[in-house]
């Protein structure tokens, strides 16, 4: 399977388009860093914590669903709520877990987040458990969260197979 190129963030657009563009660029970076690894490498722990490429991608799928479905849209009873109860599951990877399936789930979570976001303005308050935040705050937080984990993925990927850059 050929990984499509990442969408580049816009050079000079309005605030919303810029925020969406940077978040989509980072989402594409997550996929780029994960694709091409086998399941065993995706699940390999290279640091003392249970951090792995597969675990980070699974975590980011849950973060997407939690912030956009739960906090922005107010749908607090979805299956993504599991991550609040069981942090080990969120980062955990079992032998039967396929990295490609985890990446596809992440891509689906990102598409769901875009759909939720399409119904809300940046100044709209969150409808779920984070009522003190507005949608703009969630967008900026998701850029920060995804960028931080892209850095982790950079390091893990280099440790696994020497791939650098991008």
N, C-alpha and C. Protein backbone atom coordinates (compact mmCIF):
# COMPACT_ATOMS: atom_id res chain seq x y z
N UNK A 1 0.85 -1.18 0.00
CA UNK A 1 0.00 0.00 0.00
C UNK A 1 0.89 1.24 0.00
N UNK A 2 0.61 2.17 -0.87
CA UNK A 2 1.38 3.41 -0.95
C UNK A 2 0.75 4.45 -0.03
N UNK A 3 1.57 5.03 0.81
CA UNK A 3 1.09 6.06 1.72
C UNK A 3 0.93 7.37 0.95
N UNK A 4 -0.28 7.96 0.99
CA UNK A 4 -0.45 9.23 0.31
C UNK A 4 0.40 10.31 0.97
N UNK A 5 0.81 11.30 0.21
CA UNK A 5 1.60 12.38 0.82
C UNK A 5 0.77 13.12 1.87
N UNK A 6 1.46 13.67 2.83
CA UNK A 6 0.78 14.47 3.85
C UNK A 6 0.28 15.76 3.23
N UNK A 7 -0.88 16.21 3.69
CA UNK A 7 -1.32 17.53 3.23
C UNK A 7 -0.47 18.60 3.89
N UNK A 8 0.06 19.50 3.12
CA UNK A 8 0.84 20.59 3.69
C UNK A 8 -0.08 21.63 4.30
N UNK A 9 0.30 22.21 5.44
CA UNK A 9 -0.53 23.26 6.02
C UNK A 9 -0.53 24.48 5.11
N UNK A 10 -1.60 25.25 5.15
CA UNK A 10 -1.66 26.44 4.28
C UNK A 10 -0.63 27.48 4.69
N UNK A 11 -0.24 28.28 3.73
CA UNK A 11 0.76 29.32 3.97
C UNK A 11 0.16 30.59 4.55
N UNK A 12 -1.01 30.97 4.10
CA UNK A 12 -1.63 32.21 4.57
C UNK A 12 -3.14 32.11 4.39
N UNK A 13 -3.80 31.62 5.42
CA UNK A 13 -5.26 31.46 5.39
C UNK A 13 -5.85 32.02 6.68
N UNK A 14 -7.16 31.89 6.81
CA UNK A 14 -7.82 32.31 8.04
C UNK A 14 -7.45 31.34 9.17
N UNK A 15 -7.81 31.73 10.37
CA UNK A 15 -7.41 30.97 11.56
C UNK A 15 -7.87 29.52 11.51
N UNK A 16 -9.13 29.29 11.22
CA UNK A 16 -9.67 27.93 11.23
C UNK A 16 -8.96 27.04 10.20
N UNK A 17 -8.80 27.56 8.99
CA UNK A 17 -8.14 26.79 7.94
C UNK A 17 -6.71 26.48 8.33
N UNK A 18 -6.04 27.42 8.96
CA UNK A 18 -4.66 27.21 9.41
C UNK A 18 -4.61 26.14 10.49
N UNK A 19 -5.47 26.23 11.49
CA UNK A 19 -5.49 25.22 12.55
C UNK A 19 -5.80 23.84 12.00
N UNK A 20 -6.82 23.75 11.16
CA UNK A 20 -7.17 22.46 10.56
C UNK A 20 -6.03 21.93 9.70
N UNK A 21 -5.37 22.82 8.97
CA UNK A 21 -4.27 22.41 8.11
C UNK A 21 -3.09 21.86 8.88
N UNK A 22 -2.73 22.52 9.98
CA UNK A 22 -1.61 22.02 10.78
C UNK A 22 -1.97 20.71 11.46
N UNK A 23 -3.21 20.58 11.95
CA UNK A 23 -3.61 19.33 12.58
C UNK A 23 -3.61 18.18 11.56
N UNK A 24 -4.11 18.44 10.37
CA UNK A 24 -4.11 17.39 9.34
C UNK A 24 -2.69 17.03 8.90
N UNK A 25 -1.80 18.01 8.84
CA UNK A 25 -0.40 17.73 8.52
C UNK A 25 0.21 16.80 9.57
N UNK A 26 -0.05 17.07 10.83
CA UNK A 26 0.48 16.24 11.90
C UNK A 26 -0.16 14.86 11.90
N UNK A 27 -1.46 14.80 11.63
CA UNK A 27 -2.12 13.49 11.52
C UNK A 27 -1.47 12.67 10.41
N UNK A 28 -1.18 13.32 9.29
CA UNK A 28 -0.51 12.63 8.19
C UNK A 28 0.89 12.17 8.57
N UNK A 29 1.56 12.93 9.42
CA UNK A 29 2.89 12.55 9.89
C UNK A 29 2.81 11.29 10.75
N UNK A 30 1.78 11.19 11.59
CA UNK A 30 1.59 9.98 12.40
C UNK A 30 1.50 8.76 11.49
N UNK A 31 0.67 8.86 10.47
CA UNK A 31 0.49 7.74 9.54
C UNK A 31 1.79 7.44 8.81
N UNK A 32 2.47 8.47 8.36
CA UNK A 32 3.75 8.29 7.65
C UNK A 32 4.77 7.56 8.52
N UNK A 33 4.85 7.93 9.79
CA UNK A 33 5.83 7.32 10.70
C UNK A 33 5.47 5.87 11.03
N UNK A 34 4.19 5.52 11.02
CA UNK A 34 3.77 4.17 11.40
C UNK A 34 3.79 3.20 10.22
N UNK A 35 3.44 3.68 9.05
CA UNK A 35 3.33 2.78 7.90
C UNK A 35 4.70 2.25 7.49
N UNK A 36 4.68 0.99 7.05
CA UNK A 36 5.91 0.35 6.60
C UNK A 36 6.57 -0.51 7.66
N UNK A 37 6.11 -0.41 8.89
CA UNK A 37 6.62 -1.28 9.95
C UNK A 37 5.76 -2.54 10.03
N UNK A 38 6.36 -3.63 10.42
CA UNK A 38 5.61 -4.84 10.69
C UNK A 38 4.95 -4.77 12.05
N UNK A 39 4.05 -5.69 12.31
CA UNK A 39 3.33 -5.71 13.58
C UNK A 39 4.27 -5.84 14.78
N UNK A 40 5.28 -6.69 14.66
CA UNK A 40 6.21 -6.89 15.78
C UNK A 40 6.99 -5.63 16.09
N UNK A 41 7.49 -4.94 15.05
CA UNK A 41 8.21 -3.68 15.28
C UNK A 41 7.27 -2.62 15.82
N UNK A 42 6.05 -2.57 15.32
CA UNK A 42 5.08 -1.59 15.81
C UNK A 42 4.79 -1.75 17.29
N UNK A 43 4.82 -2.99 17.77
CA UNK A 43 4.51 -3.27 19.17
C UNK A 43 5.74 -3.28 20.07
N UNK A 44 6.92 -3.18 19.50
CA UNK A 44 8.16 -3.30 20.27
C UNK A 44 8.34 -2.12 21.23
N UNK A 45 8.73 -2.44 22.46
CA UNK A 45 9.02 -1.43 23.48
C UNK A 45 10.51 -1.17 23.47
N UNK A 46 10.89 0.03 23.14
CA UNK A 46 12.31 0.39 23.07
C UNK A 46 12.74 1.30 24.22
N UNK A 47 11.80 1.68 25.04
CA UNK A 47 12.06 2.51 26.21
C UNK A 47 11.44 1.82 27.42
N UNK A 48 11.80 2.20 28.64
CA UNK A 48 11.29 1.51 29.82
C UNK A 48 9.76 1.51 29.96
N UNK A 49 9.09 2.52 29.46
CA UNK A 49 7.63 2.57 29.55
C UNK A 49 7.01 1.66 28.48
N UNK A 50 5.71 1.43 28.55
CA UNK A 50 5.07 0.59 27.53
C UNK A 50 4.85 1.30 26.19
N UNK A 51 5.60 2.34 25.93
CA UNK A 51 5.46 3.12 24.71
C UNK A 51 5.92 2.30 23.50
N UNK A 52 5.11 2.32 22.46
CA UNK A 52 5.46 1.68 21.19
C UNK A 52 4.78 2.48 20.08
N UNK A 53 5.18 2.24 18.85
CA UNK A 53 4.54 2.92 17.72
C UNK A 53 3.05 2.59 17.71
N UNK A 54 2.71 1.30 17.80
CA UNK A 54 1.30 0.91 17.79
C UNK A 54 0.54 1.54 18.95
N UNK A 55 1.17 1.56 20.13
CA UNK A 55 0.51 2.14 21.30
C UNK A 55 0.27 3.63 21.15
N UNK A 56 1.23 4.34 20.59
CA UNK A 56 1.05 5.79 20.38
C UNK A 56 -0.08 6.05 19.39
N UNK A 57 -0.12 5.30 18.31
CA UNK A 57 -1.17 5.51 17.31
C UNK A 57 -2.54 5.18 17.91
N UNK A 58 -2.61 4.09 18.68
CA UNK A 58 -3.88 3.74 19.35
C UNK A 58 -4.28 4.86 20.32
N UNK A 59 -3.32 5.35 21.08
CA UNK A 59 -3.59 6.45 22.02
C UNK A 59 -4.13 7.67 21.28
N UNK A 60 -3.50 8.03 20.16
CA UNK A 60 -3.95 9.21 19.42
C UNK A 60 -5.35 9.03 18.85
N UNK A 61 -5.72 7.81 18.47
CA UNK A 61 -7.10 7.57 18.02
C UNK A 61 -8.08 7.82 19.16
N UNK A 62 -7.71 7.36 20.36
CA UNK A 62 -8.58 7.59 21.51
C UNK A 62 -8.65 9.06 21.89
N UNK A 63 -7.52 9.76 21.78
CA UNK A 63 -7.50 11.19 22.09
C UNK A 63 -8.41 11.94 21.11
N UNK A 64 -8.32 11.61 19.83
CA UNK A 64 -9.20 12.24 18.84
C UNK A 64 -10.66 12.05 19.23
N UNK A 65 -11.03 10.82 19.54
CA UNK A 65 -12.43 10.53 19.86
C UNK A 65 -12.85 11.19 21.17
N UNK A 66 -11.98 11.14 22.14
CA UNK A 66 -12.32 11.72 23.43
C UNK A 66 -12.55 13.23 23.32
N UNK A 67 -11.59 13.94 22.72
CA UNK A 67 -11.72 15.39 22.66
C UNK A 67 -12.85 15.84 21.73
N UNK A 68 -12.98 15.23 20.58
CA UNK A 68 -13.97 15.73 19.62
C UNK A 68 -15.37 15.18 19.89
N UNK A 69 -15.52 13.88 20.08
CA UNK A 69 -16.86 13.33 20.36
C UNK A 69 -17.32 13.73 21.75
N UNK A 70 -16.49 13.42 22.72
CA UNK A 70 -16.86 13.58 24.12
C UNK A 70 -16.89 15.06 24.52
N UNK A 71 -15.77 15.73 24.39
CA UNK A 71 -15.68 17.09 24.91
C UNK A 71 -16.34 18.13 24.01
N UNK A 72 -16.03 18.12 22.72
CA UNK A 72 -16.62 19.13 21.83
C UNK A 72 -18.10 18.86 21.62
N UNK A 73 -18.46 17.64 21.26
CA UNK A 73 -19.84 17.31 20.88
C UNK A 73 -20.73 16.94 22.07
N UNK A 74 -20.13 16.58 23.19
CA UNK A 74 -20.92 16.23 24.37
C UNK A 74 -21.43 14.81 24.39
N UNK A 75 -20.90 13.94 23.54
CA UNK A 75 -21.30 12.54 23.50
C UNK A 75 -20.38 11.76 24.43
N UNK A 76 -20.71 11.74 25.73
CA UNK A 76 -19.81 11.21 26.75
C UNK A 76 -19.94 9.71 26.98
N UNK A 77 -20.82 9.03 26.26
CA UNK A 77 -21.05 7.60 26.51
C UNK A 77 -20.53 6.70 25.41
N UNK A 78 -19.75 7.23 24.49
CA UNK A 78 -19.24 6.42 23.38
C UNK A 78 -18.16 5.45 23.83
N UNK A 79 -17.77 4.53 22.94
CA UNK A 79 -16.75 3.55 23.28
C UNK A 79 -15.38 4.16 23.59
N UNK A 80 -15.13 5.39 23.15
CA UNK A 80 -13.87 6.06 23.44
C UNK A 80 -13.74 6.37 24.93
N UNK A 81 -14.82 6.35 25.67
CA UNK A 81 -14.77 6.64 27.10
C UNK A 81 -13.94 5.59 27.84
N UNK A 82 -13.75 4.43 27.23
CA UNK A 82 -12.95 3.38 27.86
C UNK A 82 -11.55 3.87 28.22
N UNK A 83 -10.99 4.74 27.40
CA UNK A 83 -9.62 5.19 27.65
C UNK A 83 -9.51 5.96 28.95
N UNK A 84 -10.58 6.59 29.40
CA UNK A 84 -10.53 7.30 30.67
C UNK A 84 -10.49 6.33 31.84
N UNK A 85 -11.03 5.13 31.63
CA UNK A 85 -11.09 4.14 32.70
C UNK A 85 -9.89 3.20 32.70
N UNK A 86 -9.26 2.99 31.56
CA UNK A 86 -8.24 1.97 31.44
C UNK A 86 -7.09 2.47 30.57
N UNK A 87 -6.17 3.22 31.18
CA UNK A 87 -5.05 3.79 30.42
C UNK A 87 -4.13 2.70 29.86
N UNK A 88 -4.03 1.56 30.54
CA UNK A 88 -3.20 0.47 30.04
C UNK A 88 -3.71 -0.06 28.72
N UNK A 89 -5.01 -0.15 28.56
CA UNK A 89 -5.59 -0.63 27.30
C UNK A 89 -5.24 0.32 26.17
N UNK A 90 -5.31 1.60 26.46
CA UNK A 90 -5.10 2.60 25.42
C UNK A 90 -3.73 2.49 24.78
N UNK A 91 -2.70 2.27 25.55
CA UNK A 91 -1.34 2.16 25.01
C UNK A 91 -0.94 0.70 24.79
N UNK A 92 -1.71 -0.22 25.35
CA UNK A 92 -1.36 -1.63 25.26
C UNK A 92 -1.55 -2.20 23.86
N UNK A 93 -0.69 -3.13 23.51
CA UNK A 93 -0.76 -3.80 22.22
C UNK A 93 -0.64 -5.29 22.49
N UNK A 94 -1.60 -6.06 21.97
CA UNK A 94 -1.58 -7.52 22.11
C UNK A 94 -0.91 -8.14 20.89
N UNK A 95 -0.51 -9.37 21.01
CA UNK A 95 0.17 -10.06 19.91
C UNK A 95 -0.69 -10.11 18.66
N UNK A 96 -1.98 -10.20 18.83
CA UNK A 96 -2.88 -10.30 17.66
C UNK A 96 -3.25 -8.93 17.05
N UNK A 97 -2.79 -7.84 17.64
CA UNK A 97 -3.10 -6.50 17.11
C UNK A 97 -2.25 -6.21 15.87
N UNK A 98 -2.90 -5.80 14.82
CA UNK A 98 -2.23 -5.44 13.58
C UNK A 98 -1.96 -3.94 13.55
N UNK A 99 -0.73 -3.57 13.28
CA UNK A 99 -0.40 -2.15 13.18
C UNK A 99 -1.25 -1.50 12.08
N UNK A 100 -1.42 -2.18 10.97
CA UNK A 100 -2.22 -1.61 9.88
C UNK A 100 -3.66 -1.36 10.32
N UNK A 101 -4.24 -2.27 11.11
CA UNK A 101 -5.59 -2.05 11.64
C UNK A 101 -5.62 -0.86 12.60
N UNK A 102 -4.59 -0.73 13.42
CA UNK A 102 -4.51 0.39 14.36
C UNK A 102 -4.40 1.70 13.59
N UNK A 103 -3.61 1.73 12.52
CA UNK A 103 -3.48 2.94 11.70
C UNK A 103 -4.81 3.26 11.03
N UNK A 104 -5.48 2.25 10.49
CA UNK A 104 -6.79 2.49 9.86
C UNK A 104 -7.80 3.04 10.87
N UNK A 105 -7.76 2.52 12.10
CA UNK A 105 -8.66 3.03 13.13
C UNK A 105 -8.33 4.49 13.44
N UNK A 106 -7.04 4.81 13.49
CA UNK A 106 -6.64 6.20 13.71
C UNK A 106 -7.16 7.10 12.58
N UNK A 107 -7.00 6.66 11.35
CA UNK A 107 -7.50 7.45 10.22
C UNK A 107 -9.01 7.63 10.31
N UNK A 108 -9.73 6.59 10.75
CA UNK A 108 -11.18 6.70 10.93
C UNK A 108 -11.51 7.69 12.04
N UNK A 109 -10.75 7.64 13.14
CA UNK A 109 -10.98 8.58 14.25
C UNK A 109 -10.76 10.02 13.79
N UNK A 110 -9.74 10.25 12.96
CA UNK A 110 -9.48 11.59 12.44
C UNK A 110 -10.62 12.06 11.55
N UNK A 111 -11.15 11.17 10.73
CA UNK A 111 -12.29 11.52 9.86
C UNK A 111 -13.51 11.85 10.72
N UNK A 112 -13.73 11.08 11.78
CA UNK A 112 -14.84 11.37 12.70
C UNK A 112 -14.65 12.75 13.34
N UNK A 113 -13.43 13.05 13.73
CA UNK A 113 -13.14 14.35 14.36
C UNK A 113 -13.42 15.49 13.40
N UNK A 114 -13.03 15.32 12.14
CA UNK A 114 -13.31 16.37 11.13
C UNK A 114 -14.81 16.59 10.98
N UNK A 115 -15.57 15.50 11.02
CA UNK A 115 -17.02 15.60 10.88
C UNK A 115 -17.62 16.34 12.09
N UNK A 116 -17.18 16.00 13.28
CA UNK A 116 -17.64 16.70 14.49
C UNK A 116 -17.28 18.17 14.39
N UNK A 117 -16.05 18.46 14.04
CA UNK A 117 -15.57 19.83 13.95
C UNK A 117 -16.38 20.65 12.94
N UNK A 118 -16.83 20.02 11.88
CA UNK A 118 -17.59 20.74 10.84
C UNK A 118 -18.89 21.34 11.38
N UNK A 119 -19.35 20.85 12.51
CA UNK A 119 -20.61 21.33 13.10
C UNK A 119 -20.40 22.42 14.15
N UNK A 120 -19.16 22.81 14.39
CA UNK A 120 -18.87 23.74 15.48
C UNK A 120 -17.95 24.86 15.02
N UNK A 121 -18.18 26.05 15.56
CA UNK A 121 -17.29 27.18 15.33
C UNK A 121 -16.18 27.18 16.37
N UNK A 122 -15.11 27.90 16.09
CA UNK A 122 -13.97 27.94 17.01
C UNK A 122 -14.34 28.54 18.37
N UNK A 123 -15.27 29.47 18.39
CA UNK A 123 -15.65 30.10 19.66
C UNK A 123 -16.72 29.33 20.42
N UNK A 124 -17.26 28.26 19.83
CA UNK A 124 -18.30 27.47 20.50
C UNK A 124 -17.71 26.84 21.76
N UNK A 125 -18.49 26.84 22.85
CA UNK A 125 -18.03 26.15 24.05
C UNK A 125 -18.13 24.64 23.85
N UNK A 126 -17.28 23.91 24.54
CA UNK A 126 -17.39 22.45 24.51
C UNK A 126 -18.67 22.04 25.23
N UNK A 127 -19.30 20.99 24.74
CA UNK A 127 -20.59 20.55 25.28
C UNK A 127 -20.45 19.39 26.26
N UNK A 128 -19.27 18.81 26.36
CA UNK A 128 -19.07 17.64 27.21
C UNK A 128 -18.45 17.99 28.54
N UNK A 129 -17.53 17.15 28.97
CA UNK A 129 -16.97 17.28 30.31
C UNK A 129 -16.02 18.46 30.46
N UNK A 130 -15.58 19.02 29.37
CA UNK A 130 -14.64 20.16 29.42
C UNK A 130 -15.33 21.46 29.02
N UNK A 131 -16.38 21.78 29.72
CA UNK A 131 -17.17 22.97 29.38
C UNK A 131 -16.40 24.28 29.52
N UNK A 132 -15.28 24.25 30.25
CA UNK A 132 -14.49 25.47 30.40
C UNK A 132 -13.68 25.78 29.15
N UNK A 133 -13.59 24.83 28.22
CA UNK A 133 -12.85 25.04 26.97
C UNK A 133 -13.78 25.39 25.83
N UNK A 134 -13.22 26.05 24.82
CA UNK A 134 -13.95 26.20 23.58
C UNK A 134 -13.27 25.36 22.50
N UNK A 135 -13.88 25.31 21.32
CA UNK A 135 -13.37 24.47 20.24
C UNK A 135 -11.97 24.90 19.82
N UNK A 136 -11.69 26.18 19.83
CA UNK A 136 -10.35 26.67 19.47
C UNK A 136 -9.30 26.05 20.40
N UNK A 137 -9.58 26.05 21.69
CA UNK A 137 -8.65 25.48 22.66
C UNK A 137 -8.40 24.00 22.35
N UNK A 138 -9.46 23.27 22.04
CA UNK A 138 -9.32 21.84 21.71
C UNK A 138 -8.46 21.67 20.46
N UNK A 139 -8.68 22.50 19.45
CA UNK A 139 -7.87 22.40 18.23
C UNK A 139 -6.39 22.63 18.54
N UNK A 140 -6.10 23.68 19.31
CA UNK A 140 -4.70 23.97 19.65
C UNK A 140 -4.12 22.84 20.49
N UNK A 141 -4.89 22.34 21.44
CA UNK A 141 -4.43 21.22 22.27
C UNK A 141 -4.14 19.99 21.40
N UNK A 142 -5.00 19.70 20.44
CA UNK A 142 -4.80 18.53 19.58
C UNK A 142 -3.56 18.70 18.69
N UNK A 143 -3.28 19.92 18.27
CA UNK A 143 -2.04 20.17 17.53
C UNK A 143 -0.84 19.87 18.44
N UNK A 144 -0.88 20.36 19.67
CA UNK A 144 0.21 20.13 20.63
C UNK A 144 0.36 18.64 20.93
N UNK A 145 -0.73 17.97 21.22
CA UNK A 145 -0.70 16.54 21.57
C UNK A 145 -0.16 15.70 20.42
N UNK A 146 -0.66 15.96 19.23
CA UNK A 146 -0.24 15.17 18.07
C UNK A 146 1.22 15.47 17.73
N UNK A 147 1.63 16.72 17.81
CA UNK A 147 3.03 17.08 17.52
C UNK A 147 3.98 16.42 18.51
N UNK A 148 3.62 16.40 19.77
CA UNK A 148 4.47 15.78 20.79
C UNK A 148 4.66 14.30 20.48
N UNK A 149 3.58 13.63 20.12
CA UNK A 149 3.68 12.20 19.81
C UNK A 149 4.36 11.95 18.47
N UNK A 150 4.29 12.90 17.56
CA UNK A 150 5.08 12.76 16.31
C UNK A 150 6.57 12.73 16.64
N UNK A 151 7.00 13.51 17.60
CA UNK A 151 8.39 13.47 18.05
C UNK A 151 8.77 12.12 18.62
N UNK A 152 7.86 11.55 19.42
CA UNK A 152 8.11 10.20 19.95
C UNK A 152 8.22 9.20 18.80
N UNK A 153 7.31 9.30 17.84
CA UNK A 153 7.33 8.39 16.70
C UNK A 153 8.61 8.53 15.89
N UNK A 154 9.09 9.78 15.73
CA UNK A 154 10.37 10.00 15.04
C UNK A 154 11.49 9.18 15.69
N UNK A 155 11.59 9.28 17.00
CA UNK A 155 12.66 8.61 17.73
C UNK A 155 12.50 7.09 17.65
N UNK A 156 11.28 6.61 17.88
CA UNK A 156 11.06 5.16 17.84
C UNK A 156 11.34 4.60 16.45
N UNK A 157 10.89 5.31 15.42
CA UNK A 157 11.11 4.82 14.06
C UNK A 157 12.61 4.77 13.75
N UNK A 158 13.35 5.77 14.17
CA UNK A 158 14.79 5.75 13.93
C UNK A 158 15.45 4.59 14.67
N UNK A 159 15.00 4.32 15.89
CA UNK A 159 15.54 3.22 16.66
C UNK A 159 15.19 1.86 16.03
N UNK A 160 14.02 1.77 15.42
CA UNK A 160 13.57 0.51 14.84
C UNK A 160 14.27 0.17 13.52
N UNK A 161 14.32 1.14 12.61
CA UNK A 161 14.86 0.80 11.29
C UNK A 161 15.73 1.87 10.67
N UNK A 162 16.07 2.90 11.45
CA UNK A 162 16.97 3.92 10.95
C UNK A 162 16.30 5.02 10.13
N UNK A 163 14.99 4.92 9.92
CA UNK A 163 14.28 5.94 9.13
C UNK A 163 14.29 7.27 9.89
N UNK A 164 14.71 8.32 9.23
CA UNK A 164 14.75 9.65 9.84
C UNK A 164 14.07 10.65 8.92
N UNK A 165 13.81 11.83 9.46
CA UNK A 165 13.28 12.93 8.67
C UNK A 165 11.79 12.87 8.51
N UNK A 166 11.33 13.69 7.61
CA UNK A 166 9.92 13.82 7.27
C UNK A 166 9.18 14.58 8.34
